[in-house]
């Protein structure tokens, strides 16, 4: 018995749509993690620069 071609096309479209949605969600999640990591890195750098300035000012005294 031959499967219905319309059902196969519908299943393929749903599968492709699911892949697109999953890819978009993965991209959004990855971008969010990346920006959070960059913000943390920038905050750590600012903190280290403040400590460096404080140490330099104490060393000069």
Protein backbone atom coordinates (compact mmCIF):
# COMPACT_ATOMS: atom_id res chain seq x y z
CA UNK A 1 0.00 0.00 0.00
CA UNK A 2 1.39 3.39 -1.06
CA UNK A 3 1.59 6.04 1.67
CA UNK A 4 -0.28 9.27 1.14
CA UNK A 5 2.04 11.81 -0.52
CA UNK A 6 0.29 14.73 1.15
CA UNK A 7 0.91 13.21 4.59
CA UNK A 8 4.59 12.76 3.81
CA UNK A 9 4.87 16.37 2.64
CA UNK A 10 3.13 17.60 5.78
CA UNK A 11 5.42 15.52 7.98
CA UNK A 12 8.48 16.86 6.14
CA UNK A 13 7.30 20.46 6.53
CA UNK A 14 6.67 19.95 10.25
CA UNK A 15 10.08 18.34 10.69
CA UNK A 16 11.79 21.20 8.84
CA UNK A 17 9.89 23.77 10.89
CA UNK A 18 10.94 22.00 14.08
CA UNK A 19 14.58 22.12 12.98
CA UNK A 20 14.33 25.83 12.23
CA UNK A 21 12.75 26.57 15.62
CA UNK A 22 15.32 24.43 17.45
CA UNK A 23 18.17 26.17 15.61
CA UNK A 24 16.78 29.61 16.44
CA UNK A 25 16.33 28.73 20.11
CA UNK A 26 19.86 27.33 20.28
CA UNK A 27 21.21 30.52 18.68
CA UNK A 28 19.36 32.74 21.12
CA UNK A 29 20.54 30.65 24.09
CA UNK A 30 24.14 30.68 22.84
CA UNK A 31 24.07 34.44 22.23
CA UNK A 32 22.69 35.01 25.72
CA UNK A 33 25.42 32.88 27.29
CA UNK A 34 28.08 34.66 25.22
CA UNK A 35 26.97 38.15 26.21
CA UNK A 36 26.70 37.13 29.86
CA UNK A 37 30.24 35.75 29.72
CA UNK A 38 31.54 38.92 28.09
CA UNK A 39 29.83 41.09 30.71
CA UNK A 40 31.38 39.00 33.48
CA UNK A 41 34.78 39.26 31.83
CA UNK A 42 34.48 43.05 31.52
CA UNK A 43 33.39 43.34 35.15
CA UNK A 44 36.38 41.25 36.28
CA UNK A 45 38.72 43.38 34.19
CA UNK A 46 37.34 46.60 35.73
CA UNK A 47 37.80 45.13 39.19
CA UNK A 48 41.39 44.14 38.47
CA UNK A 49 42.16 47.58 37.08
CA UNK A 50 40.76 49.19 40.23
CA UNK A 51 42.95 46.95 42.39
CA UNK A 52 45.94 47.79 40.21
CA UNK A 53 45.29 51.52 40.63
CA UNK A 54 44.92 51.12 44.39
CA UNK A 55 48.16 49.12 44.61
CA UNK A 56 50.02 51.64 42.47
CA UNK A 57 48.86 54.54 44.62
CA UNK A 58 49.95 52.72 47.81
CA UNK A 59 53.29 51.80 46.28
CA UNK A 60 53.98 55.42 45.30
CA UNK A 61 53.48 56.63 48.89
